[in-house]
Amino acid sequence: MKEDTVLYSSKNKIARITLNRPHFLNAINREIIWQLGEAMDKARSDDTVSVVVLTGQGDAFCAGADVGLLKELSKASSTEVYRVLRELNRVVKKLVQFPKPLLAAVNGAALGGGCCLALAGDVVIASKKATFGFLFSRFNLVADLGASFVLPRVVGSLRARDLIFSGRIFSATEAEKYGLVSQVVEEESFEKTVMSQAAEMTGWPTEAVAMNKWLLEKAESGCDLETLLELEARTQVALFGSPTTRKKIDEFLERKTATK
């Protein structure tokens, strides 16, 4: 029987995706890779879901690669290592390019690949007990799962070099100072804060969020200003033709008229 390494539930427009290997600090193995991809596909295609909360079961968010997977890859052929990493990258793209708001609820340690998964969140809320670290260099490996792309854009080149090269573990408060975390919350109020924020995010306009995420990705990829302005104009044209946009503009005009 297949182990449920990722749990999925949905209620009140919020899908909750939980990494579920608590006895292994939710470390990434082959099953988590596969099931996380399936869960993201399910949330994407479900029109009743407006927001996804990604979190971990137990005391950790995700401690990075499973020891067994590390050992296996260290003895595998180059072709097999590349195949596993390509599958993992496919899931990372699903997170980063997810068209709906994604809230990373970092309930505990987010290390190595787990830290990279947290970076995929549009909003990142961390428990005060959470810790972070890009541990790759400790194993003579490069930071992957998109860390080399995302991290310098969030914290700047010098800080990214420090965090990646040193492989040091740092606190949630330090992560907030670097801009990796939106909010740090006391452990006892963590769950309430996460769900309150998620409920608020269900009111974010899905079409505009998806378009904005796409434009921001283009900008962060080095798209020049002229091209970006053209892309903004084209997406704006598409959105002005949306019934949702027209409804929101009409509601705004009605409120303005009512207050005169």
Protein backbone atom coordinates (compact mmCIF):
# COMPACT_ATOMS: atom_id res chain seq x y z
CA MET A 1 0.00 0.00 0.00
CA LYS A 2 1.36 3.40 -1.00
CA GLU A 3 2.30 5.63 1.93
CA ASP A 4 0.56 9.02 2.05
CA THR A 5 3.70 11.14 2.21
CA VAL A 6 1.64 14.20 1.23
CA LEU A 7 -1.79 14.94 2.70
CA TYR A 8 -4.42 16.97 0.86
CA SER A 9 -7.57 18.60 2.22
CA SER A 10 -9.80 21.42 1.04
CA LYS A 11 -12.29 23.63 2.88
CA ASN A 12 -13.62 27.18 2.47
CA LYS A 13 -11.62 27.80 -0.75
CA ILE A 14 -8.36 26.82 1.00
CA ALA A 15 -6.43 23.69 0.03
CA ARG A 16 -3.98 22.44 2.63
CA ILE A 17 -1.02 20.42 1.35
CA THR A 18 0.99 18.81 4.14
CA LEU A 19 4.31 16.99 3.81
CA ASN A 20 3.70 13.87 5.87
CA ARG A 21 6.88 12.09 6.98
CA PRO A 22 7.04 13.54 10.51
CA HIS A 23 9.35 10.82 11.89
CA PHE A 24 11.86 11.79 9.19
CA LEU A 25 11.29 15.57 9.57
CA ASN A 26 9.36 15.44 6.28
CA ALA A 27 12.57 14.82 4.35
CA ILE A 28 12.22 14.58 0.58
CA ASN A 29 12.12 11.09 -0.89
CA ARG A 30 10.82 9.80 -4.23
CA GLU A 31 7.25 9.44 -2.94
CA ILE A 32 7.10 13.01 -1.62
CA ILE A 33 8.34 14.30 -4.98
CA TRP A 34 5.64 12.41 -6.85
CA GLN A 35 2.77 13.08 -4.43
CA LEU A 36 3.56 16.78 -4.02
CA GLY A 37 3.36 17.17 -7.79
CA GLU A 38 -0.01 15.38 -7.82
CA ALA A 39 -1.34 17.57 -5.00
CA MET A 40 -0.33 20.79 -6.79
CA ASP A 41 -2.05 19.57 -9.97
CA LYS A 42 -5.20 18.81 -7.98
CA ALA A 43 -5.25 22.27 -6.37
CA ARG A 44 -4.60 23.95 -9.71
CA SER A 45 -7.50 22.23 -11.48
CA ASP A 46 -10.00 22.60 -8.62
CA ASP A 47 -12.06 25.74 -9.27
CA THR A 48 -13.29 25.74 -5.67
CA VAL A 49 -9.72 26.30 -4.42
CA SER A 50 -8.51 29.91 -4.26
CA VAL A 51 -5.47 29.53 -1.98
CA VAL A 52 -3.00 26.77 -1.12
CA VAL A 53 -1.29 26.41 2.26
CA LEU A 54 1.90 24.32 2.09
CA THR A 55 3.17 23.06 5.44
CA GLY A 56 4.75 20.11 7.24
CA GLN A 57 3.38 17.53 9.67
CA GLY A 58 4.84 17.43 13.17
CA ASP A 59 7.83 19.48 14.29
CA ALA A 60 9.43 20.23 10.91
CA PHE A 61 8.48 21.88 7.63
CA CYS A 62 10.99 19.90 5.56
CA ALA A 63 14.54 18.87 6.46
CA GLY A 64 15.69 18.59 2.84
CA ALA A 65 16.71 15.42 1.04
CA ASP A 66 16.12 12.11 2.80
CA VAL A 67 19.32 10.41 3.97
CA GLY A 68 18.38 7.30 2.00
CA LEU A 69 17.89 9.33 -1.19
CA LEU A 70 21.25 11.09 -0.69
CA LYS A 71 22.99 7.75 -0.24
CA GLU A 72 21.23 6.29 -3.27
CA LEU A 73 22.14 9.24 -5.52
CA SER A 74 25.77 9.22 -4.36
CA LYS A 75 26.08 5.67 -5.75
CA ALA A 76 23.80 6.06 -8.79
CA SER A 77 24.78 6.70 -12.38
CA SER A 78 24.88 10.27 -13.68
CA THR A 79 21.84 9.49 -15.82
CA GLU A 80 19.80 8.37 -12.81
CA VAL A 81 20.85 11.36 -10.68
CA TYR A 82 19.84 13.69 -13.50
CA ARG A 83 16.49 11.92 -13.93
CA VAL A 84 15.60 12.32 -10.23
CA LEU A 85 16.63 15.98 -10.20
CA ARG A 86 14.61 16.68 -13.34
CA GLU A 87 11.53 15.19 -11.66
CA LEU A 88 12.13 17.31 -8.57
CA ASN A 89 12.62 20.43 -10.71
CA ARG A 90 9.32 19.69 -12.43
CA VAL A 91 7.58 19.89 -9.04
CA VAL A 92 9.46 23.07 -8.07
CA LYS A 93 8.20 24.72 -11.26
CA LYS A 94 4.65 23.74 -10.32
CA LEU A 95 5.12 25.54 -6.99
CA VAL A 96 6.86 28.65 -8.32
CA GLN A 97 4.52 29.02 -11.31
CA PHE A 98 1.35 28.07 -9.41
CA PRO A 99 -1.31 30.51 -10.69
CA LYS A 100 -3.11 30.87 -7.36
CA PRO A 101 -1.81 32.43 -4.11
CA LEU A 102 0.53 30.05 -2.26
CA LEU A 103 1.16 30.43 1.47
CA ALA A 104 4.17 28.59 2.90
CA ALA A 105 3.48 27.88 6.57
CA VAL A 106 6.92 27.06 7.98
CA ASN A 107 6.10 25.30 11.23
CA GLY A 108 9.64 24.08 11.96
CA ALA A 109 12.98 23.34 10.33
CA ALA A 110 13.21 24.26 6.63
CA LEU A 111 16.62 23.03 5.57
CA GLY A 112 18.30 22.35 2.23
CA GLY A 113 15.62 21.56 -0.31
CA GLY A 114 12.99 22.31 2.34
CA CYS A 115 14.24 25.88 2.53
CA CYS A 116 13.88 26.10 -1.25
CA LEU A 117 10.29 24.82 -1.07
CA ALA A 118 9.46 27.55 1.45
CA LEU A 119 10.84 30.19 -0.94
CA ALA A 120 8.15 29.23 -3.45
CA GLY A 121 5.49 30.84 -1.24
CA ASP A 122 3.93 34.16 -2.22
CA VAL A 123 3.51 34.68 1.52
CA VAL A 124 5.80 32.91 4.01
CA ILE A 125 4.72 32.71 7.66
CA ALA A 126 7.20 31.12 10.03
CA SER A 127 6.81 29.87 13.57
CA LYS A 128 9.32 31.49 15.91
CA LYS A 129 10.83 28.02 16.48
CA ALA A 130 11.47 27.55 12.73
CA THR A 131 15.02 27.40 11.41
CA PHE A 132 16.36 27.81 7.90
CA GLY A 133 19.51 26.81 6.07
CA PHE A 134 20.87 26.05 2.60
CA LEU A 135 22.93 23.04 3.65
CA PHE A 136 24.08 21.94 0.19
CA SER A 137 27.71 23.02 0.56
CA ARG A 138 28.07 20.74 3.60
CA PHE A 139 27.81 17.85 1.13
CA ASN A 140 29.92 19.53 -1.55
CA LEU A 141 26.79 20.21 -3.61
CA VAL A 142 25.35 23.32 -5.24
CA ALA A 143 22.11 24.89 -4.06
CA ASP A 144 19.38 23.56 -6.32
CA LEU A 145 15.56 23.57 -6.57
CA GLY A 146 15.76 27.10 -7.93
CA ALA A 147 17.69 28.55 -4.97
CA SER A 148 20.38 30.06 -7.19
CA PHE A 149 17.64 31.87 -9.12
CA VAL A 150 15.36 33.00 -6.30
CA LEU A 151 17.72 33.68 -3.39
CA PRO A 152 19.89 36.50 -4.89
CA ARG A 153 16.72 38.30 -6.00
CA VAL A 154 15.29 38.16 -2.50
CA VAL A 155 18.32 38.83 -0.28
CA GLY A 156 20.89 40.26 -2.71
CA SER A 157 24.01 38.69 -4.19
CA LEU A 158 26.36 39.08 -1.20
CA ARG A 159 23.89 37.68 1.34
CA ALA A 160 23.00 34.80 -1.02
CA ARG A 161 26.69 33.89 -1.28
CA ASP A 162 27.02 33.93 2.50
CA LEU A 163 23.99 31.70 3.05
CA ILE A 164 24.81 29.24 0.25
CA PHE A 165 28.58 28.97 0.69
CA SER A 166 28.51 28.70 4.50
CA GLY A 167 25.57 26.29 4.69
CA ARG A 168 24.81 27.77 8.10
CA ILE A 169 21.50 27.39 9.89
CA PHE A 170 19.73 30.61 10.88
CA SER A 171 16.64 31.58 12.87
CA ALA A 172 13.19 32.62 11.68
CA THR A 173 13.88 36.14 13.00
CA GLU A 174 17.05 36.32 10.90
CA ALA A 175 15.15 34.98 7.88
CA GLU A 176 12.57 37.74 8.33
CA LYS A 177 15.35 40.34 8.47
CA TYR A 178 16.73 39.03 5.15
CA GLY A 179 13.29 39.19 3.50
CA LEU A 180 12.87 35.41 3.25
CA VAL A 181 9.88 35.43 5.60
CA SER A 182 6.80 37.66 5.55
CA GLN A 183 5.98 37.23 9.23
CA VAL A 184 7.32 35.42 12.29
CA VAL A 185 4.68 34.21 14.74
CA GLU A 186 4.82 32.76 18.24
CA GLU A 187 4.32 28.99 18.20
CA GLU A 188 1.04 29.07 20.13
CA SER A 189 -0.61 31.48 17.64
CA PHE A 190 1.02 30.07 14.49
CA GLU A 191 -1.90 27.97 13.19
CA LYS A 192 -4.48 30.68 13.86
CA THR A 193 -2.36 33.28 12.06
CA VAL A 194 -1.75 31.01 9.07
CA MET A 195 -5.44 30.24 8.56
CA SER A 196 -6.46 33.87 9.10
CA GLN A 197 -3.96 34.96 6.44
CA ALA A 198 -5.11 32.18 4.09
CA ALA A 199 -8.75 33.23 4.54
CA GLU A 200 -7.80 36.81 3.65
CA MET A 201 -5.95 35.59 0.56
CA THR A 202 -9.10 33.85 -0.75
CA GLY A 203 -10.30 37.37 -1.54
CA TRP A 204 -7.34 38.07 -3.80
CA PRO A 205 -8.42 38.21 -7.48
CA THR A 206 -7.26 34.90 -8.97
CA GLU A 207 -6.89 36.12 -12.56
CA ALA A 208 -4.84 39.17 -11.59
CA VAL A 209 -2.67 37.14 -9.20
CA ALA A 210 -1.86 34.62 -11.93
CA MET A 211 -1.00 37.38 -14.42
CA ASN A 212 1.09 39.30 -11.88
CA LYS A 213 3.04 36.18 -10.91
CA TRP A 214 3.81 35.58 -14.58
CA LEU A 215 4.96 39.19 -15.09
CA LEU A 216 7.11 39.14 -11.95
CA GLU A 217 8.76 35.92 -13.13
CA LYS A 218 9.55 37.59 -16.46
CA ALA A 219 11.01 40.62 -14.68
CA GLU A 220 13.12 38.47 -12.35
CA SER A 221 14.40 36.51 -15.35
CA GLY A 222 15.98 39.70 -16.72
CA CYS A 223 13.28 40.78 -19.16
CA ASP A 224 14.11 44.28 -20.48
CA LEU A 225 11.85 47.23 -19.68
CA GLU A 226 10.41 47.69 -23.16
CA THR A 227 9.42 44.03 -23.43
CA LEU A 228 7.98 44.03 -19.91
CA LEU A 229 5.89 47.15 -20.62
CA GLU A 230 4.50 45.45 -23.72
CA LEU A 231 3.66 42.29 -21.72
CA GLU A 232 1.96 44.43 -19.05
CA ALA A 233 -0.13 46.16 -21.71
CA ARG A 234 -1.21 42.89 -23.30
CA THR A 235 -2.16 41.25 -20.02
CA GLN A 236 -4.02 44.40 -18.97
CA VAL A 237 -6.02 44.28 -22.22
CA ALA A 238 -6.96 40.69 -21.48
CA LEU A 239 -8.02 41.52 -17.93
CA PHE A 240 -10.13 44.52 -18.97
CA GLY A 241 -12.12 42.04 -21.05
CA SER A 242 -12.76 39.82 -18.02
CA PRO A 243 -16.27 39.78 -16.46
CA THR A 244 -14.59 39.80 -13.04
CA THR A 245 -12.76 43.04 -13.82
CA ARG A 246 -15.89 44.70 -15.13
CA LYS A 247 -17.82 43.65 -12.04
CA LYS A 248 -15.16 45.03 -9.68
CA ILE A 249 -15.01 48.34 -11.55
CA ASP A 250 -18.82 48.65 -11.51
CA GLU A 251 -18.86 47.92 -7.76
CA PHE A 252 -16.20 50.58 -7.18
CA LEU A 253 -18.12 53.18 -9.21
CA GLU A 254 -21.33 52.36 -7.34
CA ARG A 255 -19.58 52.88 -3.99
CA LYS A 256 -18.12 56.19 -5.19
CA THR A 257 -21.58 57.36 -6.30
CA ALA A 258 -23.15 56.31 -3.01
CA THR A 259 -20.67 58.35 -0.95
CA LYS A 260 -21.30 61.61 -2.85
